[in-house]
C-alpha atoms as a PDB file:
ATOM      1  CA  SER A   1       0.000   0.000   0.000  1.00  0.00           C
ATOM      2  CA  ILE A   2       2.914   2.357   0.667  1.00  0.00           C
ATOM      3  CA  THR A   3       4.237   1.903  -2.862  1.00  0.00           C
ATOM      4  CA  LEU A   4       0.802   2.531  -4.359  1.00  0.00           C
ATOM      5  CA  LYS A   5       0.296   5.643  -2.232  1.00  0.00           C
ATOM      6  CA  MET A   6       3.696   7.035  -3.229  1.00  0.00           C
ATOM      7  CA  TYR A   7       3.035   6.360  -6.923  1.00  0.00           C
ATOM      8  CA  ALA A   8      -0.411   7.988  -6.837  1.00  0.00           C
ATOM      9  CA  HIS A   9       0.985  10.990  -4.957  1.00  0.00           C
ATOM     10  CA  ARG A  10       3.788  11.392  -7.525  1.00  0.00           C
ATOM     11  CA  LYS A  11       1.205  11.286 -10.330  1.00  0.00           C
ATOM     12  CA  ALA A  12      -1.089  13.702  -8.416  1.00  0.00           C
ATOM     13  CA  TRP A  13      -3.923  11.146  -8.511  1.00  0.00           C
ATOM     14  CA  ASP A  14      -6.782  11.406  -6.044  1.00  0.00           C
ATOM     15  CA  LEU A  15      -5.995   8.273  -4.017  1.00  0.00           C
ATOM     16  CA  LYS A  16      -7.417   8.990  -0.579  1.00  0.00           C
ATOM     17  CA  ALA A  17      -6.739   5.559   0.936  1.00  0.00           C
ATOM     18  CA  CYS A  18      -5.430   2.147   0.001  1.00  0.00           C
ATOM     19  CA  ALA A  19      -6.263  -0.960   2.003  1.00  0.00           C
ATOM     20  CA  VAL A  20      -4.825  -4.406   1.353  1.00  0.00           C
ATOM     21  CA  ASP A  21      -6.513  -7.543   2.629  1.00  0.00           C
ATOM     22  CA  LEU A  22      -4.627 -10.830   2.374  1.00  0.00           C
ATOM     23  CA  HIS A  23      -5.926 -14.347   2.740  1.00  0.00           C
ATOM     24  CA  TYR A  24      -3.519 -17.301   2.748  1.00  0.00           C
ATOM     25  CA  ASP A  25      -4.499 -20.785   1.593  1.00  0.00           C
ATOM     26  CA  GLY A  26      -1.767 -23.268   2.521  1.00  0.00           C
ATOM     27  CA  ARG A  27      -3.135 -26.136   0.458  1.00  0.00           C
ATOM     28  CA  GLY A  28      -1.168 -27.292  -2.552  1.00  0.00           C
ATOM     29  CA  ASP A  29       2.541 -27.312  -3.273  1.00  0.00           C
ATOM     30  CA  ARG A  30       3.199 -23.605  -2.809  1.00  0.00           C
ATOM     31  CA  GLY A  31       0.114 -22.221  -1.146  1.00  0.00           C
ATOM     32  CA  ARG A  32      -1.753 -19.220  -2.447  1.00  0.00           C
ATOM     33  CA  ILE A  33      -2.218 -15.638  -1.290  1.00  0.00           C
ATOM     34  CA  GLU A  34      -5.415 -13.919  -2.305  1.00  0.00           C
ATOM     35  CA  ARG A  35      -4.941 -10.138  -2.234  1.00  0.00           C
ATOM     36  CA  ILE A  36      -7.801  -7.666  -2.336  1.00  0.00           C
ATOM     37  CA  LEU A  37      -6.985  -3.990  -2.952  1.00  0.00           C
ATOM     38  CA  THR A  38      -9.486  -1.369  -1.856  1.00  0.00           C
ATOM     39  CA  LEU A  39      -8.673   1.944  -3.513  1.00  0.00           C
ATOM     40  CA  THR A  40     -10.609   4.955  -2.223  1.00  0.00           C
ATOM     41  CA  GLY A  41     -10.678   8.203  -4.153  1.00  0.00           C
ATOM     42  CA  ASP A  42     -11.764   9.714  -7.455  1.00  0.00           C
ATOM     43  CA  LEU A  43      -9.760   7.410  -9.745  1.00  0.00           C
ATOM     44  CA  SER A  44     -10.438   6.434 -13.330  1.00  0.00           C
ATOM     45  CA  ASP A  45     -10.630   2.789 -14.394  1.00  0.00           C
ATOM     46  CA  GLU A  46      -7.231   3.228 -16.071  1.00  0.00           C
ATOM     47  CA  GLN A  47      -5.687   4.594 -12.869  1.00  0.00           C
ATOM     48  CA  ARG A  48      -7.131   1.702 -10.841  1.00  0.00           C
ATOM     49  CA  ALA A  49      -5.797  -0.799 -13.372  1.00  0.00           C
ATOM     50  CA  ARG A  50      -2.365   0.851 -13.268  1.00  0.00           C
ATOM     51  CA  LEU A  51      -2.264   0.693  -9.465  1.00  0.00           C
ATOM     52  CA  ALA A  52      -3.267  -2.997  -9.579  1.00  0.00           C
ATOM     53  CA  ASP A  53      -0.444  -3.585 -12.085  1.00  0.00           C
ATOM     54  CA  ILE A  54       2.045  -1.803  -9.834  1.00  0.00           C
ATOM     55  CA  ALA A  55       0.904  -3.928  -6.877  1.00  0.00           C
ATOM     56  CA  GLU A  56       2.060  -6.974  -8.873  1.00  0.00           C
ATOM     57  CA  ARG A  57       5.583  -5.542  -9.112  1.00  0.00           C
ATOM     58  CA  THR A  58       6.286  -4.236  -5.610  1.00  0.00           C
ATOM     59  CA  PRO A  59       9.429  -5.586  -3.910  1.00  0.00           C
ATOM     60  CA  VAL A  60       7.330  -7.537  -1.403  1.00  0.00           C
ATOM     61  CA  THR A  61       5.217  -9.161  -4.126  1.00  0.00           C
ATOM     62  CA  LEU A  62       8.261 -10.067  -6.236  1.00  0.00           C
ATOM     63  CA  THR A  63      10.010 -11.566  -3.205  1.00  0.00           C
ATOM     64  CA  LEU A  64       6.995 -13.678  -2.298  1.00  0.00           C
ATOM     65  CA  LYS A  65       6.547 -14.855  -5.880  1.00  0.00           C
ATOM     66  CA  ALA A  66      10.218 -15.847  -6.064  1.00  0.00           C
ATOM     67  CA  GLY A  67       9.798 -17.979  -2.960  1.00  0.00           C
ATOM     68  CA  ALA A  68      12.577 -16.484  -0.868  1.00  0.00           C
ATOM     69  CA  ASP A  69      13.871 -18.468   2.081  1.00  0.00           C
ATOM     70  CA  ILE A  70      12.976 -17.018   5.464  1.00  0.00           C
ATOM     71  CA  HIS A  71      15.258 -17.520   8.460  1.00  0.00           C
ATOM     72  CA  THR A  72      13.909 -16.547  11.864  1.00  0.00           C
ATOM     73  CA  GLN A  73      15.990 -15.744  14.943  1.00  0.00           C
ATOM     74  CA  LEU A  74      15.032 -14.482  18.339  1.00  0.00           C
ATOM     75  CA  ALA A  75      16.169 -10.914  18.948  1.00  0.00           C
ATOM     76  CA  ALA A  76      18.686 -11.840  21.661  1.00  0.00           C
ATOM     77  CA  ASP A  77      20.242 -14.550  19.439  1.00  0.00           C
ATOM     78  CA  ALA A  78      20.395 -12.213  16.436  1.00  0.00           C
ATOM     79  CA  GLN A  79      22.014  -9.467  18.515  1.00  0.00           C
ATOM     80  CA  LYS A  80      24.602 -11.917  19.884  1.00  0.00           C
ATOM     81  CA  ALA A  81      25.347 -13.211  16.353  1.00  0.00           C
ATOM     82  CA  HIS A  82      25.758  -9.613  15.137  1.00  0.00           C
ATOM     83  CA  LEU A  83      28.104  -8.734  18.007  1.00  0.00           C
ATOM     84  CA  ASP A  84      30.121 -11.933  17.433  1.00  0.00           C
ATOM     85  CA  ALA A  85      30.486 -11.052  13.742  1.00  0.00           C
ATOM     86  CA  GLU A  86      31.610  -7.505  14.595  1.00  0.00           C
ATOM     87  CA  LEU A  87      34.153  -8.861  17.098  1.00  0.00           C
ATOM     88  CA  ASP A  88      35.497 -11.349  14.539  1.00  0.00           C
ATOM     89  CA  GLU A  89      35.850  -8.566  11.979  1.00  0.00           C
ATOM     90  CA  ALA A  90      37.623  -6.278  14.447  1.00  0.00           C
ATOM     91  CA  LEU A  91      40.012  -9.062  15.453  1.00  0.00           C
ATOM     92  CA  ASP A  92      40.752  -9.867  11.802  1.00  0.00           C
ATOM     93  CA  GLU A  93      41.593  -6.203  11.188  1.00  0.00           C
ATOM     94  CA  SER A  94      43.765  -5.961  14.308  1.00  0.00           C
ATOM     95  CA  PHE A  95      45.450  -9.323  13.938  1.00  0.00           C
ATOM     96  CA  PRO A  96      45.617 -10.344  10.251  1.00  0.00           C
ATOM     97  CA  ALA A  97      46.041 -14.045   9.528  1.00  0.00           C
ATOM     98  CA  SER A  98      49.448 -13.338   7.977  1.00  0.00           C
ATOM     99  CA  ASP A  99      50.824 -12.229  11.356  1.00  0.00           C
ATOM    100  CA  PRO A 100      52.242 -15.192  13.243  1.00  0.00           C
ATOM    101  CA  PRO A 101      50.775 -15.522  16.691  1.00  0.00           C
ATOM    102  CA  SER A 102      53.116 -14.364  19.409  1.00  0.00           C
ATOM    103  CA  VAL A 103      53.234 -16.826  22.201  1.00  0.00           C
ATOM    104  CA  PHE A 104      55.049 -15.958  25.355  1.00  0.00           C
ATOM    105  CA  ARG A 105      56.268 -18.868  27.356  1.00  0.00           C
ATOM    106  CA  PRO A 106      58.056 -18.222  30.623  1.00  0.00           C
END
């Protein structure tokens, strides 16, 4: 709906509101999402058709149609993984692999 609102605003179309209702049917190999757009405003049939066409090409729609993998983490785990990655990067910058480790043995 954000993409449609931005497009209509840029074109100076009279789109007052845009609502998107989604219904998911998990039957079948891939499942199916039924999307219903409710466009409120003084729009011509051509403008409505254009907005429906744009809805088919939004980044979210294209990602869903491509079947992107989704990986879910809990916030605390994701934050720890991010901090671990930053620490590894900082250590790599401070101590490149080409530097031999200095070991002090008394």
